[in-house]
Structure formats: C-alpha cells, structure tokens
C-alpha cells in the first residue's frame, strides 16, 4: 500500500525545505561571487606621461623622487590605498616628495573634499595635500581611478604608474607596493605598473554599497 496522507505531507515538506535550502545557497553563492568580482575588478588606467608634465601645477622634488597619489575623497576603498602609501613611505629609506591629490569636481561646495581620507593623508610623513579643482591634474597624469599612483625619479622620468593595493579596499602586501618600494630603493623591479582598484573619478555611482556610492 502507498504511504498515508500525513507521511506524504511530511515527505513533501522535506522536499520543499531541501529545495529552499538549495535555492538559498545558490543565491548566497551568487552574491558572494558578485562581491568578489567587484573587489577584484581593476579600474580604468591610461598611460601616464613618460616625463613630468611641464604644465602641471604640482611641483616635483628637486634631486629626489616624487610620488603622487590621486584620490576621490568620497571613495571608501581608497582608505586602503592611503594605508599602503603610509607603509611605503615609512618602509623606504628614500624620502620621496609625496603629494596626495584630492579631486574636487566642478560645482561642489568648498570643503567638499575634506573627508576622513583628507584627515588621514595628513598623518602620512612628509605628505602634501593638494586640491585638484575639476580633476585637471588627474587628467594630465592619466589617472581615471581613485588610488592611482605615479612615481617619477630625480630626473622627472616615470618609474611607476598604477595601484598599490591587491583589490578594492584591501590593505596588505601586494605587487604594486613591492614595485614602488623597489623603485624608491633603486632595486630591480620586473614591472613598472599594477592594476588600480578604486572608484572611477567619472562614474557618479561606482560602488555597490552606500559607503562607496559617494563619488559624485
């Protein structure tokens, strides 16, 4: 004889529960993949000038390296790039001139760029903060993504262009950091670039979360 009504109901409930768990697991896995893909998708990067651009308002150092990082003050993941910059400056025997360039889009109110990253940049040894009205300097140096770093030697020749984190918002040992440190210390480095992980300067809503939806 077949199973009674209550037994059939119990089996059906178990099957429905199993199916529900499978669907839930698939949704969670898909969400985790989207987050992972977002964190490891590099931003746009154009070639930086091979020589320090003469028209730039940024002043290169005399007789030593100049390191510049371009920052969108509303990009949450750029805090990791500044953390890496701090590590580089403190770990290097060479004291490069360091400039942290903060985007200020056209039409925003004064002080718009003064976020926690602005305050944090002031704690980096020897760093100078610069407000880039309209993103003019970022354009000159080929920086389209927050966290983009350029390093020029004492002769104003480009030594590195790219990012110094391994993914969005993640501080920790990475290829970009190692390249910049090697270049600052006149050690061999196989590469002169690394992907930039950060918010696009031109995209009004690059982040998936509210914290990163700020760039405007």
N, C-alpha and C. Protein backbone atom coordinates (compact mmCIF):
# COMPACT_ATOMS: atom_id res chain seq x y z
N UNK A 1 0.83 -1.20 0.00
CA UNK A 1 0.00 0.00 0.00
C UNK A 1 0.87 1.25 0.00
N UNK A 2 0.35 2.35 -0.50
CA UNK A 2 1.11 3.59 -0.53
C UNK A 2 1.17 4.25 0.82
N UNK A 3 2.00 5.28 0.93
CA UNK A 3 2.15 6.00 2.18
C UNK A 3 0.87 6.73 2.51
N UNK A 4 0.57 6.87 3.80
CA UNK A 4 -0.64 7.56 4.24
C UNK A 4 -0.50 9.05 3.97
N UNK A 5 -1.62 9.75 4.12
CA UNK A 5 -1.62 11.19 3.85
C UNK A 5 -0.60 11.96 4.68
N UNK A 6 -0.56 11.78 6.02
CA UNK A 6 0.42 12.53 6.81
C UNK A 6 1.85 12.24 6.41
N UNK A 7 2.14 10.96 6.05
CA UNK A 7 3.51 10.62 5.65
C UNK A 7 3.88 11.30 4.35
N UNK A 8 2.89 11.33 3.42
CA UNK A 8 3.15 12.02 2.16
C UNK A 8 3.39 13.50 2.40
N UNK A 9 2.64 14.10 3.34
CA UNK A 9 2.81 15.51 3.65
C UNK A 9 4.18 15.80 4.22
N UNK A 10 4.66 14.90 5.10
CA UNK A 10 5.99 15.09 5.71
C UNK A 10 7.07 15.01 4.64
N UNK A 11 6.95 14.04 3.74
CA UNK A 11 7.94 13.91 2.67
C UNK A 11 7.94 15.13 1.77
N UNK A 12 6.74 15.64 1.48
CA UNK A 12 6.65 16.83 0.64
C UNK A 12 7.28 18.04 1.31
N UNK A 13 7.09 18.17 2.62
CA UNK A 13 7.68 19.29 3.36
C UNK A 13 9.19 19.22 3.34
N UNK A 14 9.72 18.00 3.51
CA UNK A 14 11.17 17.82 3.48
C UNK A 14 11.74 18.19 2.12
N UNK A 15 11.03 17.77 1.06
CA UNK A 15 11.49 18.08 -0.29
C UNK A 15 11.48 19.58 -0.55
N UNK A 16 10.40 20.24 -0.06
CA UNK A 16 10.31 21.69 -0.23
C UNK A 16 11.42 22.41 0.54
N UNK A 17 11.69 21.90 1.76
CA UNK A 17 12.75 22.50 2.58
C UNK A 17 14.11 22.34 1.91
N UNK A 18 14.36 21.14 1.38
CA UNK A 18 15.63 20.89 0.68
C UNK A 18 15.78 21.80 -0.52
N UNK A 19 14.70 21.93 -1.29
CA UNK A 19 14.75 22.80 -2.47
C UNK A 19 15.00 24.25 -2.06
N UNK A 20 14.35 24.65 -0.95
CA UNK A 20 14.55 26.01 -0.47
C UNK A 20 15.99 26.28 -0.05
N UNK A 21 16.58 25.28 0.63
CA UNK A 21 17.98 25.42 1.06
C UNK A 21 18.90 25.52 -0.15
N UNK A 22 18.63 24.73 -1.16
CA UNK A 22 19.45 24.75 -2.38
C UNK A 22 19.37 26.11 -3.06
N UNK A 23 18.14 26.64 -3.16
CA UNK A 23 17.96 27.95 -3.79
C UNK A 23 18.67 29.03 -2.98
N UNK A 24 18.52 28.97 -1.64
CA UNK A 24 19.17 29.96 -0.76
C UNK A 24 20.70 29.91 -0.92
N UNK A 25 21.25 28.68 -0.95
CA UNK A 25 22.70 28.52 -1.11
C UNK A 25 23.17 29.09 -2.44
N UNK A 26 22.37 28.87 -3.49
CA UNK A 26 22.74 29.39 -4.81
C UNK A 26 22.73 30.91 -4.83
N UNK A 27 21.73 31.51 -4.16
CA UNK A 27 21.64 32.97 -4.10
C UNK A 27 22.83 33.55 -3.33
N UNK A 28 23.16 32.92 -2.18
CA UNK A 28 24.29 33.38 -1.38
C UNK A 28 25.59 33.26 -2.17
N UNK A 29 25.78 32.11 -2.84
CA UNK A 29 26.99 31.90 -3.63
C UNK A 29 27.10 32.93 -4.75
N UNK A 30 25.97 33.21 -5.39
CA UNK A 30 25.98 34.21 -6.45
C UNK A 30 26.31 35.59 -5.93
N UNK A 31 25.76 35.93 -4.75
CA UNK A 31 26.06 37.22 -4.15
C UNK A 31 27.52 37.34 -3.78
N UNK A 32 28.08 36.28 -3.20
CA UNK A 32 29.50 36.30 -2.83
C UNK A 32 30.38 36.45 -4.06
N UNK A 33 29.98 35.81 -5.17
CA UNK A 33 30.77 35.93 -6.40
C UNK A 33 30.73 37.36 -6.93
N UNK A 34 29.55 37.99 -6.85
CA UNK A 34 29.44 39.37 -7.31
C UNK A 34 30.35 40.29 -6.50
N UNK A 35 30.35 40.09 -5.18
CA UNK A 35 31.20 40.90 -4.30
C UNK A 35 32.67 40.68 -4.63
N UNK A 36 33.04 39.38 -4.81
CA UNK A 36 34.43 39.05 -5.13
C UNK A 36 34.84 39.65 -6.47
N UNK A 37 33.95 39.55 -7.45
CA UNK A 37 34.25 40.11 -8.78
C UNK A 37 34.42 41.63 -8.69
N UNK A 38 33.56 42.28 -7.90
CA UNK A 38 33.64 43.73 -7.75
C UNK A 38 34.96 44.13 -7.12
N UNK A 39 35.37 43.43 -6.08
CA UNK A 39 36.60 43.78 -5.37
C UNK A 39 37.85 43.56 -6.21
N UNK A 40 37.78 42.61 -7.15
CA UNK A 40 38.98 42.28 -7.92
C UNK A 40 38.93 42.79 -9.35
N UNK A 41 37.96 43.65 -9.66
CA UNK A 41 37.89 44.25 -10.99
C UNK A 41 38.66 45.57 -10.98
N UNK A 42 39.69 45.63 -11.79
CA UNK A 42 40.53 46.83 -11.82
C UNK A 42 39.81 47.99 -12.48
N UNK A 43 40.16 49.20 -12.06
CA UNK A 43 39.61 50.40 -12.66
C UNK A 43 40.36 50.78 -13.93
N UNK A 44 39.84 51.78 -14.61
CA UNK A 44 40.48 52.25 -15.84
C UNK A 44 41.81 52.93 -15.51
N UNK A 45 42.75 52.79 -16.42
CA UNK A 45 44.06 53.44 -16.25
C UNK A 45 44.64 53.75 -17.62
N UNK A 46 44.94 55.02 -17.84
CA UNK A 46 45.59 55.45 -19.07
C UNK A 46 47.09 55.59 -18.84
N UNK A 47 47.89 55.56 -19.89
CA UNK A 47 49.33 55.74 -19.71
C UNK A 47 49.64 57.10 -19.11
N UNK A 48 50.50 57.12 -18.11
CA UNK A 48 50.96 58.38 -17.52
C UNK A 48 52.06 58.96 -18.41
N UNK A 49 52.27 60.26 -18.37
CA UNK A 49 53.34 60.87 -19.18
C UNK A 49 54.71 60.30 -18.80
N UNK A 50 55.52 60.02 -19.79
CA UNK A 50 56.85 59.47 -19.55
C UNK A 50 57.74 60.48 -18.82
N UNK A 51 57.45 61.77 -19.03
CA UNK A 51 58.17 62.83 -18.33
C UNK A 51 57.17 63.70 -17.57
N UNK A 52 57.60 64.25 -16.47
CA UNK A 52 56.73 65.11 -15.67
C UNK A 52 56.17 66.24 -16.55
N UNK A 53 54.85 66.38 -16.62
CA UNK A 53 54.27 67.40 -17.50
C UNK A 53 54.60 68.82 -17.04
N UNK A 54 55.15 69.59 -17.92
CA UNK A 54 55.58 70.96 -17.59
C UNK A 54 54.41 71.84 -17.18
N UNK A 55 53.22 71.58 -17.73
CA UNK A 55 52.08 72.44 -17.45
C UNK A 55 51.43 72.15 -16.09
N UNK A 56 51.88 71.11 -15.41
CA UNK A 56 51.27 70.72 -14.15
C UNK A 56 51.50 71.77 -13.06
N UNK A 57 50.49 71.97 -12.22
CA UNK A 57 50.63 72.86 -11.07
C UNK A 57 51.30 72.15 -9.90
N UNK A 58 51.45 70.84 -9.99
CA UNK A 58 52.15 70.09 -8.95
C UNK A 58 53.66 70.29 -9.12
N UNK A 59 54.34 70.47 -8.03
CA UNK A 59 55.78 70.74 -8.08
C UNK A 59 56.57 69.45 -7.80
N UNK A 60 57.37 68.99 -8.76
CA UNK A 60 58.20 67.82 -8.49
C UNK A 60 59.36 68.18 -7.56
N UNK A 61 59.89 67.19 -6.87
CA UNK A 61 61.01 67.43 -5.97
C UNK A 61 62.26 67.72 -6.77
N UNK A 62 63.19 68.42 -6.16
CA UNK A 62 64.48 68.69 -6.78
C UNK A 62 65.51 67.69 -6.26
N UNK A 63 66.04 66.87 -7.16
CA UNK A 63 67.10 65.94 -6.78
C UNK A 63 66.63 64.70 -6.06
N UNK A 64 65.33 64.43 -6.05
CA UNK A 64 64.84 63.19 -5.44
C UNK A 64 63.53 62.78 -6.10
N UNK A 65 63.01 61.62 -5.72
CA UNK A 65 61.80 61.09 -6.34
C UNK A 65 60.57 61.89 -5.90
N UNK A 66 59.57 61.86 -6.77
CA UNK A 66 58.27 62.45 -6.44
C UNK A 66 57.20 61.39 -6.65
N UNK A 67 56.41 61.17 -5.61
CA UNK A 67 55.34 60.17 -5.64
C UNK A 67 54.01 60.90 -5.48
N UNK A 68 53.08 60.64 -6.40
CA UNK A 68 51.77 61.30 -6.37
C UNK A 68 50.68 60.24 -6.36
N UNK A 69 49.69 60.42 -5.48
CA UNK A 69 48.52 59.54 -5.49
C UNK A 69 47.28 60.41 -5.71
N UNK A 70 46.40 59.96 -6.61
CA UNK A 70 45.18 60.69 -6.94
C UNK A 70 44.01 60.04 -6.22
N UNK A 71 43.25 60.86 -5.48
CA UNK A 71 42.24 60.34 -4.56
C UNK A 71 40.88 60.96 -4.81
N UNK A 72 39.85 60.13 -4.83
CA UNK A 72 38.48 60.64 -4.76
C UNK A 72 38.09 60.61 -3.29
N UNK A 73 37.83 61.76 -2.67
CA UNK A 73 37.61 61.81 -1.23
C UNK A 73 36.38 61.07 -0.74
N UNK A 74 35.45 60.72 -1.64
CA UNK A 74 34.23 60.02 -1.25
C UNK A 74 34.32 58.52 -1.52
N UNK A 75 35.47 58.04 -1.95
CA UNK A 75 35.63 56.61 -2.27
C UNK A 75 36.13 55.89 -1.02
N UNK A 76 35.29 55.06 -0.44
CA UNK A 76 35.63 54.37 0.81
C UNK A 76 36.82 53.45 0.66
N UNK A 77 36.95 52.79 -0.49
CA UNK A 77 38.02 51.81 -0.65
C UNK A 77 39.40 52.46 -0.81
N UNK A 78 39.43 53.78 -1.01
CA UNK A 78 40.72 54.46 -1.17
C UNK A 78 41.47 54.55 0.15
N UNK A 79 40.79 54.36 1.28
CA UNK A 79 41.49 54.37 2.57
C UNK A 79 42.59 53.30 2.56
N UNK A 80 42.33 52.15 1.92
CA UNK A 80 43.35 51.10 1.84
C UNK A 80 44.55 51.55 1.03
N UNK A 81 44.32 52.31 -0.04
CA UNK A 81 45.44 52.82 -0.84
C UNK A 81 46.30 53.79 -0.03
N UNK A 82 45.66 54.63 0.78
CA UNK A 82 46.42 55.55 1.61
C UNK A 82 47.17 54.81 2.72
N UNK A 83 46.57 53.74 3.22
CA UNK A 83 47.27 52.91 4.21
C UNK A 83 48.53 52.30 3.60
N UNK A 84 48.41 51.82 2.36
CA UNK A 84 49.58 51.26 1.67
C UNK A 84 50.62 52.34 1.41
N UNK A 85 50.18 53.52 1.05
CA UNK A 85 51.11 54.63 0.83
C UNK A 85 51.88 54.94 2.11
N UNK A 86 51.17 54.95 3.22
CA UNK A 86 51.81 55.20 4.51
C UNK A 86 52.88 54.15 4.80
N UNK A 87 52.56 52.89 4.50
CA UNK A 87 53.52 51.80 4.71
C UNK A 87 54.75 52.00 3.83
N UNK A 88 54.52 52.36 2.57
CA UNK A 88 55.63 52.57 1.62
C UNK A 88 56.55 53.68 2.11
N UNK A 89 55.97 54.80 2.50
CA UNK A 89 56.77 55.94 2.92
C UNK A 89 57.58 55.61 4.18
N UNK A 90 56.97 54.90 5.11
CA UNK A 90 57.66 54.56 6.35
C UNK A 90 58.70 53.45 6.15
N UNK A 91 58.50 52.60 5.15
CA UNK A 91 59.42 51.49 4.94
C UNK A 91 60.61 51.86 4.07
N UNK A 92 60.48 52.92 3.30
CA UNK A 92 61.53 53.28 2.35
C UNK A 92 62.57 54.21 2.99
N UNK A 93 63.83 53.91 2.71
CA UNK A 93 64.91 54.78 3.18
C UNK A 93 64.94 56.07 2.36
N UNK A 94 64.50 55.99 1.11
CA UNK A 94 64.45 57.16 0.25
C UNK A 94 63.24 58.00 0.63
N UNK A 95 63.43 59.28 0.86
CA UNK A 95 62.34 60.15 1.24
C UNK A 95 61.83 60.92 0.03
N UNK A 96 60.93 60.28 -0.69
CA UNK A 96 60.36 60.92 -1.87
C UNK A 96 59.43 62.05 -1.46
N UNK A 97 59.34 63.06 -2.31
CA UNK A 97 58.30 64.07 -2.11
C UNK A 97 56.98 63.38 -2.41
N UNK A 98 56.03 63.48 -1.47
CA UNK A 98 54.76 62.78 -1.60
C UNK A 98 53.61 63.78 -1.67
N UNK A 99 52.80 63.65 -2.71
CA UNK A 99 51.67 64.56 -2.90
C UNK A 99 50.38 63.73 -2.99
N UNK A 100 49.42 64.06 -2.15
CA UNK A 100 48.11 63.40 -2.19
C UNK A 100 47.14 64.38 -2.84
N UNK A 101 46.68 64.04 -4.03
CA UNK A 101 45.86 64.93 -4.83
C UNK A 101 44.39 64.54 -4.69
N UNK A 102 43.59 65.44 -4.14
CA UNK A 102 42.17 65.17 -3.89
C UNK A 102 41.30 65.84 -4.95
N UNK A 103 40.46 65.04 -5.58
CA UNK A 103 39.53 65.57 -6.57
C UNK A 103 38.50 66.48 -5.92
N UNK A 104 38.23 67.63 -6.56
CA UNK A 104 37.09 68.47 -6.21
C UNK A 104 36.36 68.77 -7.51
N UNK A 105 35.25 68.09 -7.76
CA UNK A 105 34.52 68.30 -9.01
C UNK A 105 34.01 69.74 -9.14
N UNK A 106 33.77 70.14 -10.36
CA UNK A 106 33.22 71.47 -10.63
C UNK A 106 31.83 71.57 -10.01
N UNK A 107 31.57 72.69 -9.35
CA UNK A 107 30.23 72.97 -8.87
C UNK A 107 29.93 72.53 -7.45
N UNK A 108 30.87 71.83 -6.77
CA UNK A 108 30.60 71.42 -5.39
C UNK A 108 30.99 72.54 -4.43
N UNK A 109 30.48 72.44 -3.21
CA UNK A 109 30.75 73.48 -2.23
C UNK A 109 32.19 73.37 -1.71
N UNK A 110 32.71 74.47 -1.19
CA UNK A 110 34.04 74.47 -0.63
C UNK A 110 34.15 73.50 0.54
N UNK A 111 35.27 72.82 0.64
CA UNK A 111 35.47 71.84 1.70
C UNK A 111 34.87 70.48 1.41
N UNK A 112 34.28 70.29 0.24
CA UNK A 112 33.65 69.02 -0.14
C UNK A 112 34.62 67.86 -0.01
N UNK A 113 35.90 68.12 -0.28
CA UNK A 113 36.91 67.06 -0.29
C UNK A 113 37.40 66.68 1.11
N UNK A 114 36.97 67.38 2.14
CA UNK A 114 37.52 67.17 3.49
C UNK A 114 36.78 66.05 4.22
N UNK A 115 37.13 64.85 3.84
CA UNK A 115 36.55 63.65 4.44
C UNK A 115 37.58 63.00 5.35
N UNK A 116 37.29 61.77 5.80
CA UNK A 116 38.25 61.07 6.66
C UNK A 116 39.55 60.77 5.92
N UNK A 117 39.48 60.59 4.60
CA UNK A 117 40.72 60.34 3.86
C UNK A 117 41.59 61.59 3.80
N UNK A 118 40.97 62.74 3.74
CA UNK A 118 41.71 64.01 3.80
C UNK A 118 42.47 64.10 5.12
N UNK A 119 41.79 63.77 6.21
CA UNK A 119 42.42 63.81 7.54
C UNK A 119 43.52 62.76 7.65
N UNK A 120 43.27 61.57 7.11
CA UNK A 120 44.26 60.51 7.21
C UNK A 120 45.53 60.86 6.43
N UNK A 121 45.36 61.49 5.27
CA UNK A 121 46.52 61.85 4.44
C UNK A 121 47.48 62.75 5.20
N UNK A 122 46.95 63.57 6.12
CA UNK A 122 47.79 64.48 6.89
C UNK A 122 48.71 63.73 7.85
N UNK A 123 48.42 62.46 8.14
CA UNK A 123 49.25 61.69 9.07
C UNK A 123 50.40 60.97 8.36
N UNK A 124 50.41 60.98 7.03
CA UNK A 124 51.48 60.32 6.28
C UNK A 124 52.73 61.21 6.30
N UNK A 125 53.85 60.68 6.75
CA UNK A 125 55.05 61.51 6.93
C UNK A 125 55.45 62.27 5.65
N UNK A 126 55.55 63.58 5.78
CA UNK A 126 56.02 64.41 4.67
C UNK A 126 55.03 64.62 3.54
N UNK A 127 53.82 64.10 3.66
CA UNK A 127 52.86 64.21 2.56
C UNK A 127 52.25 65.61 2.49
N UNK A 128 52.07 66.08 1.25
CA UNK A 128 51.41 67.35 0.99
C UNK A 128 50.07 67.08 0.34
N UNK A 129 49.01 67.72 0.85
CA UNK A 129 47.68 67.57 0.24
C UNK A 129 47.45 68.68 -0.78
N UNK A 130 46.80 68.31 -1.88
CA UNK A 130 46.56 69.25 -2.97
C UNK A 130 45.14 69.05 -3.46
N UNK A 131 44.38 70.13 -3.61
CA UNK A 131 43.01 70.06 -4.11
C UNK A 131 43.02 70.24 -5.63
N UNK A 132 42.50 69.25 -6.33
CA UNK A 132 42.51 69.23 -7.79
C UNK A 132 41.14 69.68 -8.31
N UNK A 133 40.99 70.98 -8.52
CA UNK A 133 39.71 71.51 -9.00
C UNK A 133 39.40 71.01 -10.40
N UNK A 134 38.27 70.34 -10.51
CA UNK A 134 37.83 69.84 -11.81
C UNK A 134 38.60 68.63 -12.32
N UNK A 135 39.49 68.08 -11.51
CA UNK A 135 40.24 66.90 -11.92
C UNK A 135 41.26 67.16 -13.01
N UNK A 136 41.73 68.39 -13.11
CA UNK A 136 42.67 68.76 -14.18
C UNK A 136 43.97 67.99 -14.06
N UNK A 137 44.53 67.91 -12.86
CA UNK A 137 45.81 67.22 -12.68
C UNK A 137 45.66 65.72 -12.90
N UNK A 138 44.56 65.16 -12.46
CA UNK A 138 44.32 63.73 -12.70
C UNK A 138 44.34 63.43 -14.19
N UNK A 139 43.73 64.31 -14.97
CA UNK A 139 43.72 64.13 -16.42
C UNK A 139 45.14 64.23 -16.99
N UNK A 140 45.92 65.16 -16.50
CA UNK A 140 47.28 65.33 -17.00
C UNK A 140 48.15 64.09 -16.78
N UNK A 141 47.90 63.42 -15.65
CA UNK A 141 48.74 62.27 -15.31
C UNK A 141 48.10 60.93 -15.66
N UNK A 142 46.97 60.95 -16.36
CA UNK A 142 46.34 59.71 -16.81
C UNK A 142 45.62 58.94 -15.73
N UNK A 143 45.20 59.63 -14.65
CA UNK A 143 44.53 58.95 -13.54
C UNK A 143 43.02 59.03 -13.70
N UNK A 144 42.39 57.89 -13.91
CA UNK A 144 40.94 57.80 -14.05
C UNK A 144 40.28 57.12 -12.87
N UNK A 145 41.09 56.55 -11.98
CA UNK A 145 40.57 55.75 -10.87
C UNK A 145 41.21 56.19 -9.56
N UNK A 146 40.40 56.30 -8.52
CA UNK A 146 40.91 56.71 -7.22
C UNK A 146 41.93 55.69 -6.71
N UNK A 147 43.05 56.19 -6.20
CA UNK A 147 44.13 55.32 -5.73
C UNK A 147 45.25 55.17 -6.73
N UNK A 148 45.15 55.85 -7.88
CA UNK A 148 46.20 55.76 -8.90
C UNK A 148 47.45 56.49 -8.42
N UNK A 149 48.59 55.81 -8.51
CA UNK A 149 49.87 56.35 -8.06
C UNK A 149 50.81 56.49 -9.25
N UNK A 150 51.53 57.60 -9.29
CA UNK A 150 52.63 57.76 -10.25
C UNK A 150 53.90 58.09 -9.47
N UNK A 151 55.00 57.52 -9.91
CA UNK A 151 56.30 57.76 -9.27
C UNK A 151 57.28 58.23 -10.33
N UNK A 152 57.90 59.38 -10.10
CA UNK A 152 58.92 59.94 -11.01
C UNK A 152 60.25 60.01 -10.28
N UNK A 153 61.31 59.73 -11.00
CA UNK A 153 62.64 59.76 -10.37
C UNK A 153 63.18 61.19 -10.29
N UNK A 154 64.42 61.33 -9.81
CA UNK A 154 65.01 62.65 -9.63
C UNK A 154 65.17 63.41 -10.94
N UNK A 155 65.22 62.67 -12.05
CA UNK A 155 65.30 63.30 -13.37
C UNK A 155 63.95 63.55 -13.99
N UNK A 156 62.87 63.34 -13.21
CA UNK A 156 61.48 63.56 -13.63
C UNK A 156 61.04 62.58 -14.72
N UNK A 157 61.60 61.36 -14.67
CA UNK A 157 61.20 60.29 -15.58
C UNK A 157 60.27 59.32 -14.86
N UNK A 158 59.22 58.89 -15.54
CA UNK A 158 58.24 57.98 -14.94
C UNK A 158 58.88 56.64 -14.59
N UNK A 159 58.65 56.19 -13.35
CA UNK A 159 59.16 54.91 -12.88
C UNK A 159 58.05 53.91 -12.58
N UNK A 160 56.86 54.42 -12.26
CA UNK A 160 55.73 53.54 -11.94
C UNK A 160 54.44 54.29 -12.16
N UNK A 161 53.42 53.55 -12.62
CA UNK A 161 52.08 54.10 -12.75
C UNK A 161 51.08 52.97 -12.49
N UNK A 162 50.20 53.18 -11.49
CA UNK A 162 49.21 52.14 -11.20
C UNK A 162 48.76 52.17 -9.75
N UNK A 163 48.22 51.03 -9.31
CA UNK A 163 47.69 50.93 -7.96
C UNK A 163 48.65 50.29 -6.99
N UNK A 164 48.36 50.45 -5.69
CA UNK A 164 49.23 49.88 -4.66
C UNK A 164 48.44 49.03 -3.66
N UNK A 165 47.28 48.51 -4.11
CA UNK A 165 46.55 47.52 -3.33
C UNK A 165 46.32 46.29 -4.20
N UNK A 166 45.98 45.17 -3.55
CA UNK A 166 45.73 43.94 -4.29
C UNK A 166 44.30 43.79 -4.75
N UNK A 167 43.39 44.57 -4.17
CA UNK A 167 41.98 44.56 -4.56
C UNK A 167 41.33 45.79 -3.94
N UNK A 168 40.05 46.00 -4.23
CA UNK A 168 39.35 47.17 -3.70
C UNK A 168 39.26 47.11 -2.17
N UNK A 169 39.70 48.17 -1.54
CA UNK A 169 39.53 48.30 -0.11
C UNK A 169 40.32 47.33 0.74
N UNK A 170 41.31 46.66 0.14
CA UNK A 170 42.07 45.66 0.88
C UNK A 170 43.53 46.08 1.02
N UNK A 171 43.94 46.38 2.25
CA UNK A 171 45.34 46.70 2.53
C UNK A 171 46.08 45.42 2.85
N UNK A 172 47.32 45.34 2.44
CA UNK A 172 48.13 44.14 2.67
C UNK A 172 49.18 44.02 1.58
N UNK A 173 50.16 43.18 1.83
CA UNK A 173 51.26 43.01 0.88
C UNK A 173 50.73 42.74 -0.52
N UNK A 174 51.27 43.43 -1.50
CA UNK A 174 50.80 43.26 -2.88
C UNK A 174 51.89 43.68 -3.84
N UNK A 175 51.72 43.33 -5.11
CA UNK A 175 52.73 43.58 -6.14
C UNK A 175 53.00 45.07 -6.31
N UNK A 176 51.93 45.89 -6.32
CA UNK A 176 52.12 47.33 -6.50
C UNK A 176 53.00 47.94 -5.43
N UNK A 177 52.74 47.58 -4.19
CA UNK A 177 53.57 48.08 -3.09
C UNK A 177 55.02 47.67 -3.27
N UNK A 178 55.25 46.41 -3.62
CA UNK A 178 56.62 45.92 -3.76
C UNK A 178 57.36 46.61 -4.91
N UNK A 179 56.64 46.89 -6.01
CA UNK A 179 57.29 47.57 -7.14
C UNK A 179 57.72 48.97 -6.73
N UNK A 180 56.80 49.72 -6.10
CA UNK A 180 57.12 51.10 -5.72
C UNK A 180 58.27 51.13 -4.73
N UNK A 181 58.28 50.24 -3.75
CA UNK A 181 59.38 50.19 -2.79
C UNK A 181 60.71 49.89 -3.49
N UNK A 182 60.67 48.95 -4.42
CA UNK A 182 61.90 48.61 -5.15
C UNK A 182 62.40 49.81 -5.94
N UNK A 183 61.49 50.51 -6.62
CA UNK A 183 61.90 51.68 -7.41
C UNK A 183 62.45 52.78 -6.52
N UNK A 184 61.86 53.00 -5.37
CA UNK A 184 62.34 54.03 -4.46
C UNK A 184 63.73 53.71 -3.91
N UNK A 185 64.00 52.42 -3.76
CA UNK A 185 65.27 51.99 -3.18
C UNK A 185 66.29 51.57 -4.24
N UNK A 186 66.00 51.90 -5.51
CA UNK A 186 66.91 51.60 -6.63
C UNK A 186 67.23 50.11 -6.71
N UNK A 187 66.24 49.29 -6.39
CA UNK A 187 66.39 47.84 -6.53
C UNK A 187 65.70 47.40 -7.82
N UNK A 188 66.10 46.25 -8.38
CA UNK A 188 65.46 45.78 -9.61
C UNK A 188 63.97 45.51 -9.41
N UNK A 189 63.19 45.87 -10.40
CA UNK A 189 61.75 45.59 -10.39
C UNK A 189 61.36 45.16 -11.80
N UNK A 190 60.68 44.02 -11.90
CA UNK A 190 60.34 43.48 -13.21
C UNK A 190 59.25 44.28 -13.91
N UNK A 191 58.42 44.96 -13.13
CA UNK A 191 57.28 45.69 -13.70
C UNK A 191 57.36 47.17 -13.36
N UNK A 192 56.60 47.97 -14.10
CA UNK A 192 56.52 49.38 -13.78
C UNK A 192 55.07 49.84 -13.67
N UNK A 193 54.16 48.85 -13.51
CA UNK A 193 52.75 49.17 -13.37
C UNK A 193 52.02 48.06 -12.62
N UNK A 194 50.83 48.38 -12.14
CA UNK A 194 49.99 47.42 -11.42
C UNK A 194 48.56 47.92 -11.53
N UNK A 195 47.57 47.03 -11.61
CA UNK A 195 46.18 47.48 -11.72
C UNK A 195 45.77 48.40 -10.56
N UNK A 196 44.88 49.34 -10.87
CA UNK A 196 44.36 50.25 -9.85
C UNK A 196 42.98 49.76 -9.42
N UNK A 197 42.79 49.61 -8.12
CA UNK A 197 41.50 49.17 -7.58
C UNK A 197 40.89 50.30 -6.77
N UNK A 198 39.85 50.91 -7.33
CA UNK A 198 39.20 52.02 -6.65
C UNK A 198 38.01 52.51 -7.44
N UNK A 199 37.41 53.59 -6.98
CA UNK A 199 36.23 54.15 -7.63
C UNK A 199 36.61 55.00 -8.84
N UNK A 200 35.89 54.88 -9.92
CA UNK A 200 36.17 55.74 -11.08
C UNK A 200 35.89 57.21 -10.75
N UNK A 201 36.74 58.10 -11.20
CA UNK A 201 36.51 59.52 -10.97
C UNK A 201 35.26 60.01 -11.69
N UNK A 202 34.99 59.46 -12.87
CA UNK A 202 33.91 59.99 -13.70
C UNK A 202 32.56 59.34 -13.45
N UNK A 203 32.50 58.21 -12.73
CA UNK A 203 31.25 57.48 -12.54
C UNK A 203 30.54 58.01 -11.30
N UNK A 204 29.29 58.48 -11.45
CA UNK A 204 28.60 59.04 -10.29
C UNK A 204 28.19 58.02 -9.24
N UNK A 205 28.16 56.74 -9.58
CA UNK A 205 27.76 55.74 -8.58
C UNK A 205 28.51 54.45 -8.80
N UNK A 206 29.84 54.43 -8.57
CA UNK A 206 30.65 53.26 -8.86
C UNK A 206 30.50 52.15 -7.85
N UNK A 207 30.08 52.46 -6.63
CA UNK A 207 30.08 51.46 -5.58
C UNK A 207 28.78 50.70 -5.52
N UNK A 208 28.85 49.45 -5.05
CA UNK A 208 27.66 48.64 -4.88
C UNK A 208 26.99 48.94 -3.56
N UNK A 209 27.73 49.51 -2.62
CA UNK A 209 27.19 49.78 -1.29
C UNK A 209 27.05 51.28 -1.10
N UNK A 210 26.28 51.65 -0.07
CA UNK A 210 26.11 53.06 0.22
C UNK A 210 27.41 53.75 0.52
N UNK A 211 28.36 53.03 1.14
CA UNK A 211 29.63 53.63 1.53
C UNK A 211 30.44 54.05 0.33
N UNK A 212 30.26 53.33 -0.78
CA UNK A 212 31.06 53.64 -1.96
C UNK A 212 30.25 54.34 -3.03
N UNK A 213 29.02 54.73 -2.69
CA UNK A 213 28.21 55.41 -3.68
C UNK A 213 28.46 56.91 -3.65
N UNK A 214 29.38 57.33 -2.81
CA UNK A 214 29.63 58.74 -2.61
C UNK A 214 30.24 59.49 -3.78
N UNK A 215 31.19 58.91 -4.56
CA UNK A 215 31.85 59.70 -5.60
C UNK A 215 30.86 60.37 -6.55
N UNK A 216 30.88 61.69 -6.58
CA UNK A 216 29.96 62.45 -7.44
C UNK A 216 30.65 63.71 -7.92
